[in-house]
Every structure is written in structure tokens, then in C-alpha cells.
Amino acid sequence: MLDESRDNYGEDGVLACCWTNEAAPSIPGSTIRAVFCVRPGFDFGKEALWDTVKRNAVLCDSSRKIEVLFQDEISVLEESVLDSIHWVIRHLVKSERHSCIPMGARQLVVCEDQFQFDPIGVNHGVERERHVFSASSWFLIF
């Protein structure tokens, strides 16, 4: 499926991500943190992520070209990651006609056992982040 998407949309049109650096070369792909230029422990809040993305012209340009986003190991993403990425992608395509459509009309393909792993992310001092399936954007996207 990944190879077919790359054939259809080109290398720039497909982004394949996983959570760990060890798994990324097997796709071949990258980690979601590397793609959006965020360091470990970064708070994936919408505004913080948007500030990171908009200051990086190369990242903005490459993110606008994405038509299909593959995310492996989806269960380790906390809900704020999906909500923030969804929000940023919609802002990146704001000038396009698809800005009001979930993920800016980009396809999101996710895989893995939903509850295989707990989310990995920032502990905000209260309770750990919830699974990505609890994200408000989950129901908009899927």
C-alpha cells in the first residue's frame, strides 16, 4: 500500500512515520517528531507546533505537498499529537479549498493494535495523556 501510494503521489506526496528511530528505516520513513522538527519532551500543543512549523519554510513547503500520511505504531501517540497535527495541516492548507475538511483533505492511514502500547508523551503533572483514539480529531478524521 505504501509503495502504491508513492507511485501515485510521488515521494513528496507520501509521508511514512513511526514512533521510533529504530523502526523508521524499515519503512523507509521517519518519526513524527523528526518530520515536525520537535525534540523529545516537546509539548505537542497546537500553537507550539504551529510556531515550530511556520518558522521553517522547508517544513511548510514539504508539509503542504503531503497527500497521504501513514502512521505506524499509532497507539503510542497521545491524543494531543493527533489533534495538533490535524490542526497544523489544516492551517497549512488554509489558502486551499480543502482547509475546512479534516486533515485538509489529506489521507491518514494508521496501523497497529489499538491498545498494544500506552501513549508516550508529556506528563502534564496530572494524568498521562489518553490514547490517540480519545482525540477530538479522531472522529473528524475517521
Protein backbone atom coordinates (compact mmCIF):
# COMPACT_ATOMS: atom_id res chain seq x y z
CA MET A 1 0.00 0.00 0.00
CA LEU A 2 2.86 2.37 0.82
CA ASP A 3 4.65 1.62 -2.46
CA GLU A 4 1.44 2.11 -4.46
CA SER A 5 0.82 5.45 -2.75
CA ARG A 6 4.37 6.56 -3.57
CA ASP A 7 3.81 5.53 -7.19
CA ASN A 8 0.56 7.53 -7.31
CA TYR A 9 1.58 10.65 -5.37
CA GLY A 10 5.38 10.64 -5.67
CA GLU A 11 7.91 10.59 -2.86
CA ASP A 12 6.99 14.11 -1.71
CA GLY A 13 3.29 13.28 -1.60
CA VAL A 14 3.61 10.42 0.86
CA LEU A 15 4.85 10.66 4.41
CA ALA A 16 5.51 7.41 6.27
CA CYS A 17 6.01 7.77 10.01
CA CYS A 18 6.53 5.60 13.01
CA TRP A 19 7.33 6.41 16.59
CA THR A 20 10.87 5.08 17.00
CA ASN A 21 14.08 5.81 15.14
CA GLU A 22 14.76 2.08 15.04
CA ALA A 23 11.59 1.33 13.07
CA ALA A 24 11.77 4.26 10.64
CA PRO A 25 14.43 2.84 8.25
CA SER A 26 12.39 -0.32 7.68
CA ILE A 27 9.54 1.63 6.06
CA PRO A 28 11.58 3.76 4.83
CA GLY A 29 10.26 6.74 6.69
CA SER A 30 10.78 8.98 9.64
CA THR A 31 9.40 9.66 13.07
CA ILE A 32 6.53 12.08 13.50
CA ARG A 33 8.74 14.17 15.82
CA ALA A 34 11.51 14.38 13.19
CA VAL A 35 9.06 15.41 10.48
CA PHE A 36 7.66 18.26 12.54
CA CYS A 37 11.10 19.19 13.98
CA VAL A 38 10.23 18.70 17.63
CA ARG A 39 12.53 17.43 20.33
CA PRO A 40 11.65 14.74 22.90
CA GLY A 41 9.61 16.18 25.75
CA PHE A 42 8.13 18.85 23.44
CA ASP A 43 4.58 19.77 24.37
CA PHE A 44 2.59 18.93 21.25
CA GLY A 45 0.17 21.79 21.82
CA LYS A 46 -1.36 23.24 18.67
CA GLU A 47 0.15 26.68 18.99
CA ALA A 48 3.60 25.38 19.95
CA LEU A 49 3.66 23.01 16.99
CA TRP A 50 2.35 25.72 14.64
CA ASP A 51 5.11 28.11 15.79
CA THR A 52 7.72 25.43 15.04
CA VAL A 53 6.29 24.64 11.61
CA LYS A 54 5.65 28.19 10.37
CA ARG A 55 9.21 29.31 11.20
CA ASN A 56 10.60 26.60 8.94
CA ALA A 57 9.94 27.38 5.24
CA VAL A 58 11.21 23.98 4.07
CA LEU A 59 8.95 22.19 6.55
CA CYS A 60 5.94 24.29 5.49
CA ASP A 61 6.58 23.58 1.82
CA SER A 62 7.12 19.85 2.28
CA SER A 63 4.10 19.53 4.59
CA ARG A 64 1.84 21.17 2.00
CA LYS A 65 2.88 18.53 -0.56
CA ILE A 66 1.76 15.59 1.61
CA GLU A 67 -1.28 13.81 0.21
CA VAL A 68 -1.08 10.61 2.26
CA LEU A 69 0.26 10.27 5.80
CA PHE A 70 0.99 6.74 7.03
CA GLN A 71 1.43 6.41 10.79
CA ASP A 72 2.61 3.10 12.21
CA GLU A 73 2.54 2.40 15.95
CA ILE A 74 -0.49 4.65 16.30
CA SER A 75 -1.25 3.52 19.85
CA VAL A 76 1.84 5.26 21.26
CA LEU A 77 0.70 8.68 20.05
CA GLU A 78 -1.08 10.69 22.69
CA GLU A 79 -4.29 12.48 21.79
CA SER A 80 -2.65 15.92 21.72
CA VAL A 81 -0.29 14.81 18.93
CA LEU A 82 -3.11 13.88 16.56
CA ASP A 83 -5.17 16.95 17.46
CA SER A 84 -2.17 19.24 16.92
CA ILE A 85 -1.06 17.68 13.64
CA HIS A 86 -4.63 17.80 12.34
CA TRP A 87 -4.86 21.49 13.31
CA VAL A 88 -1.46 22.38 11.78
CA ILE A 89 -2.16 20.60 8.48
CA ARG A 90 -5.48 22.41 8.18
CA HIS A 91 -3.68 25.73 8.77
CA LEU A 92 -1.03 24.86 6.19
CA VAL A 93 -3.68 24.35 3.52
CA LYS A 94 -5.71 27.35 4.70
CA SER A 95 -5.44 29.03 1.32
CA GLU A 96 -6.60 25.90 -0.47
CA ARG A 97 -10.23 24.94 -0.87
CA HIS A 98 -9.79 21.93 1.47
CA SER A 99 -8.91 23.83 4.66
CA CYS A 100 -12.27 23.10 6.31
CA ILE A 101 -12.10 19.36 5.57
CA PRO A 102 -10.48 17.11 8.21
CA MET A 103 -6.70 16.82 7.65
CA GLY A 104 -7.07 19.35 4.83
CA ALA A 105 -8.40 16.52 2.61
CA ARG A 106 -5.21 14.55 3.15
CA GLN A 107 -5.48 10.81 3.72
CA LEU A 108 -4.35 9.39 7.04
CA VAL A 109 -3.56 5.68 7.13
CA VAL A 110 -2.89 4.24 10.57
CA CYS A 111 -1.96 0.76 11.68
CA GLU A 112 -1.23 -1.32 14.75
CA ASP A 113 -3.11 -2.97 17.55
CA GLN A 114 -5.05 -0.13 19.15
CA PHE A 115 -4.08 -0.88 22.73
CA GLN A 116 -0.75 -2.66 22.24
CA PHE A 117 1.19 0.16 23.90
CA ASP A 118 0.34 3.07 26.16
CA PRO A 119 0.79 6.58 24.79
CA ILE A 120 4.26 8.06 25.13
CA GLY A 121 4.30 11.75 25.73
CA VAL A 122 4.48 14.67 28.03
CA ASN A 123 3.11 14.11 31.51
CA HIS A 124 1.38 17.38 32.33
CA GLY A 125 1.52 16.79 36.06
CA VAL A 126 -1.98 15.41 36.30
CA GLU A 127 -2.59 12.20 34.49
CA ARG A 128 -0.89 10.79 31.45
CA GLU A 129 -2.22 11.68 28.05
CA ARG A 130 -5.00 9.48 26.78
CA HIS A 131 -4.86 7.23 23.75
CA VAL A 132 -4.99 8.87 20.35
CA PHE A 133 -8.42 7.31 19.88
CA SER A 134 -9.73 9.74 22.52
CA ALA A 135 -8.66 12.76 20.47
CA SER A 136 -11.44 15.04 19.31
CA SER A 137 -9.97 15.00 15.80
CA TRP A 138 -10.09 11.17 15.66
CA PHE A 139 -13.82 11.22 14.98
CA LEU A 140 -13.50 14.01 12.41
CA ILE A 141 -10.75 12.21 10.50
CA PHE A 142 -12.19 8.71 10.59
